[in-house]
C-alpha atoms as a PDB file:
ATOM      1  CA  MET A   1      15.107 -63.618 -12.055  1.00  0.00           C
ATOM      2  CA  LYS A   2      16.518 -61.291 -14.697  1.00  0.00           C
ATOM      3  CA  GLU A   3      13.056 -60.674 -16.184  1.00  0.00           C
ATOM      4  CA  LYS A   4      11.694 -59.805 -12.741  1.00  0.00           C
ATOM      5  CA  ASN A   5      14.430 -57.182 -12.207  1.00  0.00           C
ATOM      6  CA  VAL A   6      13.758 -55.641 -15.632  1.00  0.00           C
ATOM      7  CA  LEU A   7      10.030 -55.443 -14.800  1.00  0.00           C
ATOM      8  CA  ILE A   8      10.744 -53.717 -11.450  1.00  0.00           C
ATOM      9  CA  VAL A   9      13.064 -51.189 -13.134  1.00  0.00           C
ATOM     10  CA  CYS A  10      10.442 -50.427 -15.831  1.00  0.00           C
ATOM     11  CA  ILE A  11       7.669 -49.910 -13.261  1.00  0.00           C
ATOM     12  CA  THR A  12       9.953 -47.664 -11.193  1.00  0.00           C
ATOM     13  CA  LEU A  13      10.813 -45.539 -14.253  1.00  0.00           C
ATOM     14  CA  ILE A  14       7.124 -45.193 -15.185  1.00  0.00           C
ATOM     15  CA  LEU A  15       6.203 -44.135 -11.627  1.00  0.00           C
ATOM     16  CA  CYS A  16       9.014 -41.550 -11.587  1.00  0.00           C
ATOM     17  CA  ALA A  17       7.839 -40.142 -14.936  1.00  0.00           C
ATOM     18  CA  VAL A  18       4.236 -39.872 -13.658  1.00  0.00           C
ATOM     19  CA  ILE A  19       5.345 -38.136 -10.446  1.00  0.00           C
ATOM     20  CA  ILE A  20       7.515 -35.648 -12.358  1.00  0.00           C
ATOM     21  CA  ALA A  21       4.712 -34.913 -14.846  1.00  0.00           C
ATOM     22  CA  ALA A  22       2.194 -34.399 -12.027  1.00  0.00           C
ATOM     23  CA  THR A  23       4.596 -32.018 -10.291  1.00  0.00           C
ATOM     24  CA  PHE A  24       4.907 -29.908 -13.459  1.00  0.00           C
ATOM     25  CA  VAL A  25       1.121 -29.783 -13.830  1.00  0.00           C
ATOM     26  CA  ILE A  26       0.637 -28.667 -10.220  1.00  0.00           C
ATOM     27  CA  VAL A  27       3.372 -26.019 -10.364  1.00  0.00           C
ATOM     28  CA  SER A  28       2.245 -24.570 -13.690  1.00  0.00           C
ATOM     29  CA  SER A  29      -1.457 -24.340 -12.777  1.00  0.00           C
ATOM     30  CA  ASP A  30      -2.923 -21.125 -11.337  1.00  0.00           C
ATOM     31  CA  ASN A  31      -3.784 -22.739  -7.970  1.00  0.00           C
ATOM     32  CA  ASN A  32      -6.837 -20.469  -7.735  1.00  0.00           C
ATOM     33  CA  GLY A  33      -4.643 -17.421  -7.229  1.00  0.00           C
ATOM     34  CA  ILE A  34      -2.845 -18.876  -4.198  1.00  0.00           C
ATOM     35  CA  PRO A  35       0.887 -18.271  -4.524  1.00  0.00           C
ATOM     36  CA  ILE A  36       3.261 -21.153  -4.003  1.00  0.00           C
ATOM     37  CA  PRO A  37       6.274 -20.102  -1.902  1.00  0.00           C
ATOM     38  CA  GLY A  38       9.516 -20.289  -3.843  1.00  0.00           C
ATOM     39  CA  VAL A  39       7.820 -20.602  -7.253  1.00  0.00           C
ATOM     40  CA  ALA A  40       7.962 -17.674  -9.636  1.00  0.00           C
ATOM     41  CA  ALA A  41       4.596 -16.704 -11.083  1.00  0.00           C
ATOM     42  CA  ASN A  42       4.059 -16.309 -14.806  1.00  0.00           C
ATOM     43  CA  SER A  43       3.530 -12.667 -15.619  1.00  0.00           C
ATOM     44  CA  THR A  44       2.256 -10.961 -18.734  1.00  0.00           C
ATOM     45  CA  LYS A  45       2.757  -7.514 -17.219  1.00  0.00           C
ATOM     46  CA  ASP A  46       5.100  -5.226 -19.105  1.00  0.00           C
ATOM     47  CA  ASN A  47       7.737  -4.239 -16.589  1.00  0.00           C
ATOM     48  CA  SER A  48       9.264  -1.569 -18.801  1.00  0.00           C
ATOM     49  CA  SER A  49       8.832   1.959 -17.541  1.00  0.00           C
ATOM     50  CA  ASN A  50      10.186   5.438 -18.067  1.00  0.00           C
ATOM     51  CA  VAL A  51      10.399   5.964 -14.306  1.00  0.00           C
ATOM     52  CA  ALA A  52      13.301   4.833 -12.154  1.00  0.00           C
ATOM     53  CA  PRO A  53      12.341   1.797 -10.041  1.00  0.00           C
ATOM     54  CA  ASN A  54      13.314   3.585  -6.815  1.00  0.00           C
ATOM     55  CA  ASP A  55      11.184   6.645  -7.613  1.00  0.00           C
ATOM     56  CA  THR A  56       8.927   6.439  -4.566  1.00  0.00           C
ATOM     57  CA  VAL A  57       7.759   8.611  -1.707  1.00  0.00           C
ATOM     58  CA  ASP A  58       7.491   7.776   1.969  1.00  0.00           C
ATOM     59  CA  LEU A  59       5.444   9.590   4.567  1.00  0.00           C
ATOM     60  CA  SER A  60       7.335   9.923   7.852  1.00  0.00           C
ATOM     61  CA  SER A  61       5.171  12.320   9.886  1.00  0.00           C
ATOM     62  CA  VAL A  62       2.081  14.519   9.778  1.00  0.00           C
ATOM     63  CA  THR A  63       1.304  17.712  11.675  1.00  0.00           C
ATOM     64  CA  PHE A  64      -2.409  18.242  12.222  1.00  0.00           C
ATOM     65  CA  TYR A  65      -3.960  21.594  13.100  1.00  0.00           C
ATOM     66  CA  SER A  66      -7.446  22.196  14.422  1.00  0.00           C
ATOM     67  CA  ASP A  67      -8.505  25.755  15.266  1.00  0.00           C
ATOM     68  CA  GLY A  68     -11.432  24.729  17.464  1.00  0.00           C
ATOM     69  CA  ASN A  69     -14.089  25.969  15.039  1.00  0.00           C
ATOM     70  CA  PRO A  70     -16.243  22.957  14.079  1.00  0.00           C
ATOM     71  CA  ASN A  71     -16.993  24.511  10.676  1.00  0.00           C
ATOM     72  CA  THR A  72     -13.414  24.848   9.409  1.00  0.00           C
ATOM     73  CA  GLY A  73     -12.271  21.223   9.392  1.00  0.00           C
ATOM     74  CA  GLU A  74      -8.662  20.104   9.713  1.00  0.00           C
ATOM     75  CA  VAL A  75      -5.325  21.039   8.154  1.00  0.00           C
ATOM     76  CA  ALA A  76      -2.695  18.327   7.717  1.00  0.00           C
ATOM     77  CA  THR A  77       0.914  19.013   6.744  1.00  0.00           C
ATOM     78  CA  LEU A  78       2.485  15.778   5.551  1.00  0.00           C
ATOM     79  CA  TYR A  79       6.281  15.406   5.691  1.00  0.00           C
ATOM     80  CA  PHE A  80       7.784  13.241   2.940  1.00  0.00           C
ATOM     81  CA  GLY A  81      11.385  14.441   3.216  1.00  0.00           C
ATOM     82  CA  LYS A  82      13.394  16.865   1.095  1.00  0.00           C
ATOM     83  CA  GLU A  83      14.362  14.091  -1.338  1.00  0.00           C
ATOM     84  CA  SER A  84      10.708  14.046  -2.475  1.00  0.00           C
ATOM     85  CA  ALA A  85      10.579  17.785  -3.258  1.00  0.00           C
ATOM     86  CA  GLY A  86       8.862  18.576  -6.543  1.00  0.00           C
ATOM     87  CA  LYS A  87       7.003  15.291  -6.806  1.00  0.00           C
ATOM     88  CA  VAL A  88       3.253  15.422  -7.377  1.00  0.00           C
ATOM     89  CA  VAL A  89       1.161  13.071  -5.239  1.00  0.00           C
ATOM     90  CA  GLU A  90      -2.520  12.336  -4.717  1.00  0.00           C
ATOM     91  CA  ILE A  91      -3.578  12.423  -1.066  1.00  0.00           C
ATOM     92  CA  SER A  92      -6.730  11.423   0.763  1.00  0.00           C
ATOM     93  CA  THR A  93      -7.263  12.199   4.460  1.00  0.00           C
ATOM     94  CA  VAL A  94     -10.266  10.571   6.129  1.00  0.00           C
ATOM     95  CA  TYR A  95     -11.062  11.631   9.688  1.00  0.00           C
ATOM     96  CA  TYR A  96     -12.843   9.560  12.355  1.00  0.00           C
ATOM     97  CA  ARG A  97     -14.098   9.934  15.915  1.00  0.00           C
ATOM     98  CA  ASP A  98     -15.143   6.873  17.904  1.00  0.00           C
ATOM     99  CA  GLY A  99     -15.426   4.893  14.660  1.00  0.00           C
ATOM    100  CA  TYR A 100     -17.676   7.463  12.950  1.00  0.00           C
ATOM    101  CA  GLN A 101     -16.332   8.730   9.611  1.00  0.00           C
ATOM    102  CA  PHE A 102     -16.563  12.528   9.273  1.00  0.00           C
ATOM    103  CA  ASN A 103     -15.674  13.001   5.603  1.00  0.00           C
ATOM    104  CA  LYS A 104     -15.807  11.207   2.264  1.00  0.00           C
ATOM    105  CA  VAL A 105     -12.786   9.627   0.628  1.00  0.00           C
ATOM    106  CA  GLU A 106     -11.616  12.264  -1.843  1.00  0.00           C
ATOM    107  CA  TYR A 107      -8.190  12.625  -3.406  1.00  0.00           C
ATOM    108  CA  GLY A 108      -6.457  15.930  -3.994  1.00  0.00           C
ATOM    109  CA  THR A 109      -3.386  16.430  -6.148  1.00  0.00           C
ATOM    110  CA  VAL A 110      -0.591  18.198  -4.276  1.00  0.00           C
ATOM    111  CA  SER A 111       3.031  19.092  -5.068  1.00  0.00           C
ATOM    112  CA  ILE A 112       5.603  18.383  -2.383  1.00  0.00           C
ATOM    113  CA  ASP A 113       7.384  21.655  -1.590  1.00  0.00           C
ATOM    114  CA  SER A 114      11.150  22.220  -1.342  1.00  0.00           C
ATOM    115  CA  GLY A 115      11.054  21.431   2.374  1.00  0.00           C
ATOM    116  CA  GLY A 116       9.498  18.008   1.716  1.00  0.00           C
ATOM    117  CA  ASN A 117       6.005  18.991   2.907  1.00  0.00           C
ATOM    118  CA  ALA A 118       2.559  18.761   1.337  1.00  0.00           C
ATOM    119  CA  LYS A 119      -0.397  20.602   2.859  1.00  0.00           C
ATOM    120  CA  VAL A 120      -3.941  19.196   2.729  1.00  0.00           C
ATOM    121  CA  THR A 121      -6.973  21.058   4.056  1.00  0.00           C
ATOM    122  CA  ASP A 122     -10.265  19.292   4.684  1.00  0.00           C
ATOM    123  CA  THR A 123     -13.126  21.747   5.167  1.00  0.00           C
ATOM    124  CA  THR A 124     -15.704  19.165   6.235  1.00  0.00           C
ATOM    125  CA  PRO A 125     -17.537  20.444   9.342  1.00  0.00           C
ATOM    126  CA  MET A 126     -16.640  18.240  12.323  1.00  0.00           C
ATOM    127  CA  ASN A 127     -18.694  18.651  15.481  1.00  0.00           C
ATOM    128  CA  LYS A 128     -15.987  16.879  17.533  1.00  0.00           C
ATOM    129  CA  TYR A 129     -12.218  16.692  17.287  1.00  0.00           C
ATOM    130  CA  PRO A 130     -11.210  13.592  15.303  1.00  0.00           C
ATOM    131  CA  ASP A 131      -9.337  10.805  17.074  1.00  0.00           C
ATOM    132  CA  LYS A 132      -7.995   9.097  13.952  1.00  0.00           C
ATOM    133  CA  CYS A 133      -6.936  10.013  10.420  1.00  0.00           C
ATOM    134  CA  VAL A 134      -6.405   7.468   7.658  1.00  0.00           C
ATOM    135  CA  ILE A 135      -4.054   8.882   5.023  1.00  0.00           C
ATOM    136  CA  THR A 136      -3.727   7.333   1.573  1.00  0.00           C
ATOM    137  CA  VAL A 137      -0.995   8.511  -0.785  1.00  0.00           C
ATOM    138  CA  LYS A 138      -0.840   7.648  -4.490  1.00  0.00           C
ATOM    139  CA  TYR A 139       2.336   8.203  -6.480  1.00  0.00           C
ATOM    140  CA  ASN A 140       3.803   6.715  -9.625  1.00  0.00           C
ATOM    141  CA  GLY A 141       1.109   4.030  -9.922  1.00  0.00           C
ATOM    142  CA  ASN A 142       1.557   2.863  -6.333  1.00  0.00           C
ATOM    143  CA  SER A 143      -0.346   3.702  -3.175  1.00  0.00           C
ATOM    144  CA  PHE A 144       0.062   3.225   0.550  1.00  0.00           C
ATOM    145  CA  THR A 145      -2.072   3.948   3.586  1.00  0.00           C
ATOM    146  CA  LYS A 146      -1.007   5.064   7.045  1.00  0.00           C
ATOM    147  CA  THR A 147      -3.108   5.667  10.146  1.00  0.00           C
ATOM    148  CA  ALA A 148      -2.516   8.472  12.645  1.00  0.00           C
ATOM    149  CA  ASN A 149      -4.085   8.347  16.096  1.00  0.00           C
ATOM    150  CA  LEU A 150      -4.914  11.865  17.235  1.00  0.00           C
ATOM    151  CA  GLY A 151      -5.449  13.638  20.521  1.00  0.00           C
ATOM    152  CA  THR A 152      -8.936  15.152  20.688  1.00  0.00           C
ATOM    153  CA  TYR A 153      -7.978  18.758  21.364  1.00  0.00           C
ATOM    154  CA  LYS A 154      -7.531  22.162  19.720  1.00  0.00           C
ATOM    155  CA  GLY A 155      -4.162  23.199  18.298  1.00  0.00           C
ATOM    156  CA  SER A 156      -1.267  21.435  16.588  1.00  0.00           C
ATOM    157  CA  GLN A 157      -0.023  17.903  17.056  1.00  0.00           C
ATOM    158  CA  THR A 158       2.610  15.964  15.147  1.00  0.00           C
ATOM    159  CA  VAL A 159       2.319  12.217  14.635  1.00  0.00           C
ATOM    160  CA  SER A 160       5.293  10.114  13.508  1.00  0.00           C
ATOM    161  CA  LEU A 161       4.344   7.326  11.127  1.00  0.00           C
END
């Protein structure tokens, strides 16, 4: 009887060791790029930087202006807030109407003024007023995209984002 108990304990210990080893193999593998919730990923990225980690910009609203002339394009004044004054950002504004893209994706470098605004002019001829603008902002190695739905009329309109 004693030998039988020793055999059961040995088999149980071996099974536990195999299960633990298999768990380590599964957790440490790449899993084809699929993240495992609650498991920290190995990273070789150098997280050191000369820039403060909270050095970001956020776009809160945009005022669009269309003068009604189809050959002059659109003017967008983006409001980032006064705390972003002096920062230099890259901005792309892509205009659409009924799913048709009017202009190419092009980035312009703009400084945010003391009032927290950055002005972007797109001179692409647009035979209709756009109904949507997709805005992409790049700053400090990061980027974000926001979409503004527009009224299809002449004049100014402000969209909160």
